[in-house]
Amino acid sequence: MIEVIPEDVIQKFESEFKHFPPDLKSFLTEVGLAKEFSEGEEMMRTGQYFKHTMLVVDGKVKLYREDEDGNEFLLYYLGPGSACALSMICATRAEQSQVKAVAVEDVTALAIPIQYMDQLMTNHKSWYYFVLETYRSRFEELLTVVDQVAFRSMDEKLLFYLRRQFKAYQSDTIQTTHQQIAYDLNSSREVISRLLKKMEQKGFVALHRNAIERKNLDQDQFPW
């Protein structure tokens, strides 16, 4: 965790949030704090009060929804140039987080204290529109997730999940385990392993030790 914003973080922030006008970027770097999180570190836990809005400058974050038994379901990812819509909305009302956030890579973020939220919304129209657009895009993404959870079979959920993973990491190979996928989809490792093996047999993916390689995931459904 860093208390003073280094110059390289400021440059990265200005690059990733280049759509912000100069006065807004200047204000955010003046009142914000640079924070660093290691891969696997919990950035926000369910029930924790928001103290900051996090603008992701570098790295990738996973957001989960937890039930009363501690089971988790993957909601969406945040990457450089993005922010958590819930933190921007709930921070202004001093509400508790309803999600869990974990760094899946080393993450650098600019943390904006909640006491500046009203000022930002009032004095900076570009921030106001950024909040609205962030909330809209996350809502649409969550609707897609709900559709998959409510109306799809597990093989279709797995296909949807893998497409999101490859897109989020912008790579044809992702480092993960069958157990991690099972956690994310609220399933069992045995079910996920069986479905992945079928996918490999059909030429959709290639399975490696703690990694999955993309082959052909363009089909809308499995021919099983």
C-alpha atoms as a PDB file:
ATOM      1  CA  MET A   1       0.000   0.000   0.000  1.00  0.00           C
ATOM      2  CA  ILE A   2       1.433   3.361  -1.024  1.00  0.00           C
ATOM      3  CA  GLU A   3       0.608   6.684   0.632  1.00  0.00           C
ATOM      4  CA  VAL A   4       2.185   8.987  -1.977  1.00  0.00           C
ATOM      5  CA  ILE A   5       1.368   8.604  -5.647  1.00  0.00           C
ATOM      6  CA  PRO A   6       4.518   7.808  -7.652  1.00  0.00           C
ATOM      7  CA  GLU A   7       4.981   9.532 -10.983  1.00  0.00           C
ATOM      8  CA  ASP A   8       4.710   6.277 -12.959  1.00  0.00           C
ATOM      9  CA  VAL A   9       1.319   5.554 -11.377  1.00  0.00           C
ATOM     10  CA  ILE A  10       0.110   9.054 -12.269  1.00  0.00           C
ATOM     11  CA  GLN A  11       1.243   8.550 -15.864  1.00  0.00           C
ATOM     12  CA  LYS A  12      -0.478   5.164 -16.040  1.00  0.00           C
ATOM     13  CA  PHE A  13      -3.654   6.627 -14.540  1.00  0.00           C
ATOM     14  CA  GLU A  14      -3.698   9.492 -17.046  1.00  0.00           C
ATOM     15  CA  SER A  15      -3.212   6.994 -19.869  1.00  0.00           C
ATOM     16  CA  GLU A  16      -5.949   4.574 -18.772  1.00  0.00           C
ATOM     17  CA  PHE A  17      -8.420   7.358 -17.939  1.00  0.00           C
ATOM     18  CA  LYS A  18      -7.503   9.619 -20.838  1.00  0.00           C
ATOM     19  CA  HIS A  19     -11.181  10.422 -21.450  1.00  0.00           C
ATOM     20  CA  PHE A  20     -11.176  12.395 -18.179  1.00  0.00           C
ATOM     21  CA  PRO A  21     -10.575  16.141 -18.729  1.00  0.00           C
ATOM     22  CA  PRO A  22      -7.390  17.649 -17.233  1.00  0.00           C
ATOM     23  CA  ASP A  23      -9.157  19.344 -14.309  1.00  0.00           C
ATOM     24  CA  LEU A  24     -10.771  16.071 -13.208  1.00  0.00           C
ATOM     25  CA  LYS A  25      -7.529  14.094 -13.512  1.00  0.00           C
ATOM     26  CA  SER A  26      -5.717  16.792 -11.545  1.00  0.00           C
ATOM     27  CA  PHE A  27      -8.310  16.699  -8.766  1.00  0.00           C
ATOM     28  CA  LEU A  28      -8.331  12.895  -8.547  1.00  0.00           C
ATOM     29  CA  THR A  29      -4.546  12.638  -8.305  1.00  0.00           C
ATOM     30  CA  GLU A  30      -4.557  15.410  -5.696  1.00  0.00           C
ATOM     31  CA  VAL A  31      -7.065  13.752  -3.330  1.00  0.00           C
ATOM     32  CA  GLY A  32      -6.479  10.103  -4.223  1.00  0.00           C
ATOM     33  CA  LEU A  33      -4.133   7.512  -2.791  1.00  0.00           C
ATOM     34  CA  ALA A  34      -2.229   4.901  -4.770  1.00  0.00           C
ATOM     35  CA  LYS A  35      -2.819   1.400  -3.457  1.00  0.00           C
ATOM     36  CA  GLU A  36      -1.187  -1.862  -4.435  1.00  0.00           C
ATOM     37  CA  PHE A  37      -2.603  -5.357  -3.993  1.00  0.00           C
ATOM     38  CA  SER A  38      -0.772  -8.619  -4.573  1.00  0.00           C
ATOM     39  CA  GLU A  39      -2.183 -11.428  -6.695  1.00  0.00           C
ATOM     40  CA  GLY A  40      -4.748 -13.329  -4.648  1.00  0.00           C
ATOM     41  CA  GLU A  41      -5.176 -10.549  -2.079  1.00  0.00           C
ATOM     42  CA  GLU A  42      -8.694  -9.663  -0.955  1.00  0.00           C
ATOM     43  CA  MET A  43      -9.432  -6.049  -1.860  1.00  0.00           C
ATOM     44  CA  MET A  44     -12.975  -5.892  -0.511  1.00  0.00           C
ATOM     45  CA  ARG A  45     -14.946  -8.363   1.599  1.00  0.00           C
ATOM     46  CA  THR A  46     -18.683  -8.797   1.832  1.00  0.00           C
ATOM     47  CA  GLY A  47     -20.117  -6.628   4.622  1.00  0.00           C
ATOM     48  CA  GLN A  48     -17.206  -4.189   4.645  1.00  0.00           C
ATOM     49  CA  TYR A  49     -18.045  -0.485   4.543  1.00  0.00           C
ATOM     50  CA  PHE A  50     -16.813   1.419   1.516  1.00  0.00           C
ATOM     51  CA  LYS A  51     -14.163   3.988   2.387  1.00  0.00           C
ATOM     52  CA  HIS A  52     -12.918   4.598  -1.148  1.00  0.00           C
ATOM     53  CA  THR A  53     -13.880   4.285  -4.761  1.00  0.00           C
ATOM     54  CA  MET A  54     -11.190   2.302  -6.561  1.00  0.00           C
ATOM     55  CA  LEU A  55     -10.081   3.278 -10.054  1.00  0.00           C
ATOM     56  CA  VAL A  56      -8.096   0.360 -11.491  1.00  0.00           C
ATOM     57  CA  VAL A  57      -4.849   1.618 -12.993  1.00  0.00           C
ATOM     58  CA  ASP A  58      -3.131  -1.725 -13.599  1.00  0.00           C
ATOM     59  CA  GLY A  59      -3.945  -5.417 -13.100  1.00  0.00           C
ATOM     60  CA  LYS A  60      -7.192  -7.346 -12.941  1.00  0.00           C
ATOM     61  CA  VAL A  61      -9.853  -7.791 -10.248  1.00  0.00           C
ATOM     62  CA  LYS A  62     -12.538 -10.471  -9.819  1.00  0.00           C
ATOM     63  CA  LEU A  63     -15.817  -9.618  -8.114  1.00  0.00           C
ATOM     64  CA  TYR A  64     -17.817 -12.364  -6.431  1.00  0.00           C
ATOM     65  CA  ARG A  65     -21.213 -12.692  -4.808  1.00  0.00           C
ATOM     66  CA  GLU A  66     -21.272 -14.835  -1.651  1.00  0.00           C
ATOM     67  CA  ASP A  67     -24.186 -16.660  -0.032  1.00  0.00           C
ATOM     68  CA  GLU A  68     -24.715 -17.288   3.680  1.00  0.00           C
ATOM     69  CA  ASP A  69     -22.742 -20.546   3.490  1.00  0.00           C
ATOM     70  CA  GLY A  70     -19.705 -18.870   1.948  1.00  0.00           C
ATOM     71  CA  ASN A  71     -20.311 -20.211  -1.569  1.00  0.00           C
ATOM     72  CA  GLU A  72     -19.078 -17.846  -4.266  1.00  0.00           C
ATOM     73  CA  PHE A  73     -20.239 -16.968  -7.770  1.00  0.00           C
ATOM     74  CA  LEU A  74     -18.204 -14.927 -10.223  1.00  0.00           C
ATOM     75  CA  LEU A  75     -19.935 -11.706 -11.267  1.00  0.00           C
ATOM     76  CA  TYR A  76     -17.460  -9.857 -13.468  1.00  0.00           C
ATOM     77  CA  TYR A  77     -13.912  -8.604 -13.911  1.00  0.00           C
ATOM     78  CA  LEU A  78     -12.446  -5.135 -13.605  1.00  0.00           C
ATOM     79  CA  GLY A  79      -9.403  -4.156 -15.613  1.00  0.00           C
ATOM     80  CA  PRO A  80      -7.323  -1.003 -16.168  1.00  0.00           C
ATOM     81  CA  GLY A  81      -9.457   2.052 -16.886  1.00  0.00           C
ATOM     82  CA  SER A  82     -12.481   0.752 -15.001  1.00  0.00           C
ATOM     83  CA  ALA A  83     -14.073   1.071 -11.584  1.00  0.00           C
ATOM     84  CA  CYS A  84     -16.564  -0.803  -9.432  1.00  0.00           C
ATOM     85  CA  ALA A  85     -20.016   0.703  -9.932  1.00  0.00           C
ATOM     86  CA  LEU A  86     -21.139  -0.431  -6.484  1.00  0.00           C
ATOM     87  CA  SER A  87     -18.284   1.409  -4.790  1.00  0.00           C
ATOM     88  CA  MET A  88     -19.202   4.660  -6.546  1.00  0.00           C
ATOM     89  CA  ILE A  89     -22.898   4.367  -5.679  1.00  0.00           C
ATOM     90  CA  CYS A  90     -22.732   2.829  -2.199  1.00  0.00           C
ATOM     91  CA  ALA A  91     -19.779   4.930  -1.038  1.00  0.00           C
ATOM     92  CA  THR A  92     -21.887   8.077  -1.205  1.00  0.00           C
ATOM     93  CA  ARG A  93     -24.398   6.501   1.204  1.00  0.00           C
ATOM     94  CA  ALA A  94     -21.861   4.820   3.514  1.00  0.00           C
ATOM     95  CA  GLU A  95     -23.336   1.383   2.743  1.00  0.00           C
ATOM     96  CA  GLN A  96     -21.794  -2.045   3.146  1.00  0.00           C
ATOM     97  CA  SER A  97     -20.378  -3.992   0.240  1.00  0.00           C
ATOM     98  CA  GLN A  98     -22.541  -6.806  -1.103  1.00  0.00           C
ATOM     99  CA  VAL A  99     -19.677  -8.303  -3.096  1.00  0.00           C
ATOM    100  CA  LYS A 100     -16.161  -9.609  -2.574  1.00  0.00           C
ATOM    101  CA  ALA A 101     -13.264  -8.324  -4.680  1.00  0.00           C
ATOM    102  CA  VAL A 102     -10.006 -10.249  -5.171  1.00  0.00           C
ATOM    103  CA  ALA A 103      -6.911  -9.284  -7.152  1.00  0.00           C
ATOM    104  CA  VAL A 104      -6.239 -12.006  -9.732  1.00  0.00           C
ATOM    105  CA  GLU A 105      -3.079 -10.201 -10.811  1.00  0.00           C
ATOM    106  CA  ASP A 106      -0.948  -7.637  -9.015  1.00  0.00           C
ATOM    107  CA  VAL A 107      -3.175  -4.572  -8.963  1.00  0.00           C
ATOM    108  CA  THR A 108      -2.474  -0.855  -8.719  1.00  0.00           C
ATOM    109  CA  ALA A 109      -5.480   1.345  -8.027  1.00  0.00           C
ATOM    110  CA  LEU A 110      -6.187   4.984  -7.312  1.00  0.00           C
ATOM    111  CA  ALA A 111      -8.382   5.146  -4.207  1.00  0.00           C
ATOM    112  CA  ILE A 112     -10.672   8.175  -3.984  1.00  0.00           C
ATOM    113  CA  PRO A 113     -11.989   8.797  -0.413  1.00  0.00           C
ATOM    114  CA  ILE A 114     -15.777   8.750  -0.155  1.00  0.00           C
ATOM    115  CA  GLN A 115     -15.939  12.281   1.281  1.00  0.00           C
ATOM    116  CA  TYR A 116     -15.186  13.594  -2.219  1.00  0.00           C
ATOM    117  CA  MET A 117     -17.991  11.725  -3.996  1.00  0.00           C
ATOM    118  CA  ASP A 118     -20.624  14.471  -3.681  1.00  0.00           C
ATOM    119  CA  GLN A 119     -18.131  17.102  -4.750  1.00  0.00           C
ATOM    120  CA  LEU A 120     -17.134  15.065  -7.792  1.00  0.00           C
ATOM    121  CA  MET A 121     -20.733  14.475  -8.843  1.00  0.00           C
ATOM    122  CA  THR A 122     -21.598  18.164  -8.443  1.00  0.00           C
ATOM    123  CA  ASN A 123     -18.527  19.847  -9.880  1.00  0.00           C
ATOM    124  CA  HIS A 124     -17.384  17.444 -12.599  1.00  0.00           C
ATOM    125  CA  LYS A 125     -19.940  16.481 -15.224  1.00  0.00           C
ATOM    126  CA  SER A 126     -17.492  14.043 -16.814  1.00  0.00           C
ATOM    127  CA  TRP A 127     -17.293  12.128 -13.508  1.00  0.00           C
ATOM    128  CA  TYR A 128     -21.095  12.082 -13.325  1.00  0.00           C
ATOM    129  CA  TYR A 129     -21.303  10.553 -16.810  1.00  0.00           C
ATOM    130  CA  PHE A 130     -18.500   8.111 -15.981  1.00  0.00           C
ATOM    131  CA  VAL A 131     -20.462   6.862 -12.965  1.00  0.00           C
ATOM    132  CA  LEU A 132     -23.634   6.447 -15.046  1.00  0.00           C
ATOM    133  CA  GLU A 133     -21.834   4.635 -17.858  1.00  0.00           C
ATOM    134  CA  THR A 134     -20.016   2.357 -15.413  1.00  0.00           C
ATOM    135  CA  TYR A 135     -23.250   1.482 -13.652  1.00  0.00           C
ATOM    136  CA  ARG A 136     -25.039   0.872 -16.981  1.00  0.00           C
ATOM    137  CA  SER A 137     -22.335  -1.399 -18.374  1.00  0.00           C
ATOM    138  CA  ARG A 138     -22.072  -3.436 -15.154  1.00  0.00           C
ATOM    139  CA  PHE A 139     -25.853  -3.783 -14.995  1.00  0.00           C
ATOM    140  CA  GLU A 140     -25.956  -5.111 -18.556  1.00  0.00           C
ATOM    141  CA  GLU A 141     -23.158  -7.537 -17.766  1.00  0.00           C
ATOM    142  CA  LEU A 142     -24.992  -8.763 -14.686  1.00  0.00           C
ATOM    143  CA  LEU A 143     -28.154  -9.311 -16.732  1.00  0.00           C
ATOM    144  CA  THR A 144     -26.143 -11.561 -19.021  1.00  0.00           C
ATOM    145  CA  VAL A 145     -24.813 -13.462 -16.003  1.00  0.00           C
ATOM    146  CA  VAL A 146     -28.314 -13.844 -14.556  1.00  0.00           C
ATOM    147  CA  ASP A 147     -29.539 -15.176 -17.892  1.00  0.00           C
ATOM    148  CA  GLN A 148     -26.789 -17.780 -17.918  1.00  0.00           C
ATOM    149  CA  VAL A 149     -27.410 -18.814 -14.315  1.00  0.00           C
ATOM    150  CA  ALA A 150     -31.184 -18.963 -14.553  1.00  0.00           C
ATOM    151  CA  PHE A 151     -31.759 -20.418 -17.982  1.00  0.00           C
ATOM    152  CA  ARG A 152     -28.688 -22.376 -19.065  1.00  0.00           C
ATOM    153  CA  SER A 153     -27.390 -25.872 -18.387  1.00  0.00           C
ATOM    154  CA  MET A 154     -23.991 -26.326 -16.742  1.00  0.00           C
ATOM    155  CA  ASP A 155     -22.247 -27.067 -20.039  1.00  0.00           C
ATOM    156  CA  GLU A 156     -23.566 -23.795 -21.474  1.00  0.00           C
ATOM    157  CA  LYS A 157     -22.541 -21.960 -18.290  1.00  0.00           C
ATOM    158  CA  LEU A 158     -19.046 -23.380 -18.642  1.00  0.00           C
ATOM    159  CA  LEU A 159     -18.836 -22.277 -22.273  1.00  0.00           C
ATOM    160  CA  PHE A 160     -19.984 -18.768 -21.301  1.00  0.00           C
ATOM    161  CA  TYR A 161     -17.510 -18.705 -18.402  1.00  0.00           C
ATOM    162  CA  LEU A 162     -14.521 -19.732 -20.534  1.00  0.00           C
ATOM    163  CA  ARG A 163     -15.323 -17.163 -23.199  1.00  0.00           C
ATOM    164  CA  ARG A 164     -15.365 -14.465 -20.506  1.00  0.00           C
ATOM    165  CA  GLN A 165     -12.062 -15.732 -19.111  1.00  0.00           C
ATOM    166  CA  PHE A 166     -10.250 -15.685 -22.440  1.00  0.00           C
ATOM    167  CA  LYS A 167     -11.675 -12.252 -23.228  1.00  0.00           C
ATOM    168  CA  ALA A 168     -10.770 -10.850 -19.808  1.00  0.00           C
ATOM    169  CA  TYR A 169      -7.186 -12.074 -19.995  1.00  0.00           C
ATOM    170  CA  GLN A 170      -6.855 -11.319 -23.727  1.00  0.00           C
ATOM    171  CA  SER A 171      -5.009 -14.580 -24.201  1.00  0.00           C
ATOM    172  CA  ASP A 172      -5.583 -17.984 -25.786  1.00  0.00           C
ATOM    173  CA  THR A 173      -4.292 -19.646 -22.614  1.00  0.00           C
ATOM    174  CA  ILE A 174      -5.560 -19.037 -19.085  1.00  0.00           C
ATOM    175  CA  GLN A 175      -3.933 -20.217 -15.875  1.00  0.00           C
ATOM    176  CA  THR A 176      -6.592 -21.842 -13.717  1.00  0.00           C
ATOM    177  CA  THR A 177      -7.617 -25.112 -12.084  1.00  0.00           C
ATOM    178  CA  HIS A 178     -10.747 -27.214 -12.368  1.00  0.00           C
ATOM    179  CA  GLN A 179     -11.382 -26.499  -8.698  1.00  0.00           C
ATOM    180  CA  GLN A 180     -11.206 -22.729  -9.254  1.00  0.00           C
ATOM    181  CA  ILE A 181     -13.695 -22.962 -12.114  1.00  0.00           C
ATOM    182  CA  ALA A 182     -15.976 -25.036  -9.885  1.00  0.00           C
ATOM    183  CA  TYR A 183     -15.802 -22.323  -7.203  1.00  0.00           C
ATOM    184  CA  ASP A 184     -16.602 -19.613  -9.744  1.00  0.00           C
ATOM    185  CA  LEU A 185     -19.588 -21.535 -11.134  1.00  0.00           C
ATOM    186  CA  ASN A 186     -20.760 -22.863  -7.771  1.00  0.00           C
ATOM    187  CA  SER A 187     -20.378 -26.424  -9.016  1.00  0.00           C
ATOM    188  CA  SER A 188     -18.205 -29.429  -8.141  1.00  0.00           C
ATOM    189  CA  ARG A 189     -14.715 -30.174  -9.431  1.00  0.00           C
ATOM    190  CA  GLU A 190     -15.871 -33.564 -10.706  1.00  0.00           C
ATOM    191  CA  VAL A 191     -18.610 -32.027 -12.871  1.00  0.00           C
ATOM    192  CA  ILE A 192     -16.280 -29.375 -14.273  1.00  0.00           C
ATOM    193  CA  SER A 193     -13.534 -31.902 -15.006  1.00  0.00           C
ATOM    194  CA  ARG A 194     -15.984 -34.158 -16.856  1.00  0.00           C
ATOM    195  CA  LEU A 195     -17.315 -31.279 -18.976  1.00  0.00           C
ATOM    196  CA  LEU A 196     -13.838 -29.958 -19.739  1.00  0.00           C
ATOM    197  CA  LYS A 197     -12.739 -33.426 -20.842  1.00  0.00           C
ATOM    198  CA  LYS A 198     -15.695 -33.574 -23.252  1.00  0.00           C
ATOM    199  CA  MET A 199     -14.788 -30.119 -24.525  1.00  0.00           C
ATOM    200  CA  GLU A 200     -11.229 -31.304 -25.158  1.00  0.00           C
ATOM    201  CA  GLN A 201     -12.471 -34.384 -27.009  1.00  0.00           C
ATOM    202  CA  LYS A 202     -14.590 -32.148 -29.250  1.00  0.00           C
ATOM    203  CA  GLY A 203     -11.614 -29.909 -30.002  1.00  0.00           C
ATOM    204  CA  PHE A 204     -12.941 -26.856 -28.132  1.00  0.00           C
ATOM    205  CA  VAL A 205      -9.994 -26.589 -25.738  1.00  0.00           C
ATOM    206  CA  ALA A 206      -6.701 -28.252 -24.835  1.00  0.00           C
ATOM    207  CA  LEU A 207      -6.177 -29.073 -21.178  1.00  0.00           C
ATOM    208  CA  HIS A 208      -2.773 -28.592 -19.563  1.00  0.00           C
ATOM    209  CA  ARG A 209      -1.566 -28.688 -15.988  1.00  0.00           C
ATOM    210  CA  ASN A 210      -3.309 -25.729 -14.265  1.00  0.00           C
ATOM    211  CA  ALA A 211      -4.036 -24.169 -17.649  1.00  0.00           C
ATOM    212  CA  ILE A 212      -6.613 -24.264 -20.439  1.00  0.00           C
ATOM    213  CA  GLU A 213      -5.811 -23.419 -24.055  1.00  0.00           C
ATOM    214  CA  ARG A 214      -8.478 -22.048 -26.388  1.00  0.00           C
ATOM    215  CA  LYS A 215      -9.030 -23.990 -29.603  1.00  0.00           C
ATOM    216  CA  ASN A 216     -12.582 -23.526 -30.953  1.00  0.00           C
ATOM    217  CA  LEU A 217     -15.112 -21.866 -28.684  1.00  0.00           C
ATOM    218  CA  ASP A 218     -17.088 -20.110 -31.416  1.00  0.00           C
ATOM    219  CA  GLN A 219     -19.980 -22.565 -31.437  1.00  0.00           C
ATOM    220  CA  ASP A 220     -23.103 -21.444 -29.551  1.00  0.00           C
ATOM    221  CA  GLN A 221     -23.741 -24.785 -27.927  1.00  0.00           C
ATOM    222  CA  PHE A 222     -22.195 -28.186 -27.457  1.00  0.00           C
ATOM    223  CA  PRO A 223     -23.193 -30.990 -29.878  1.00  0.00           C
ATOM    224  CA  TRP A 224     -23.551 -33.531 -27.059  1.00  0.00           C
END
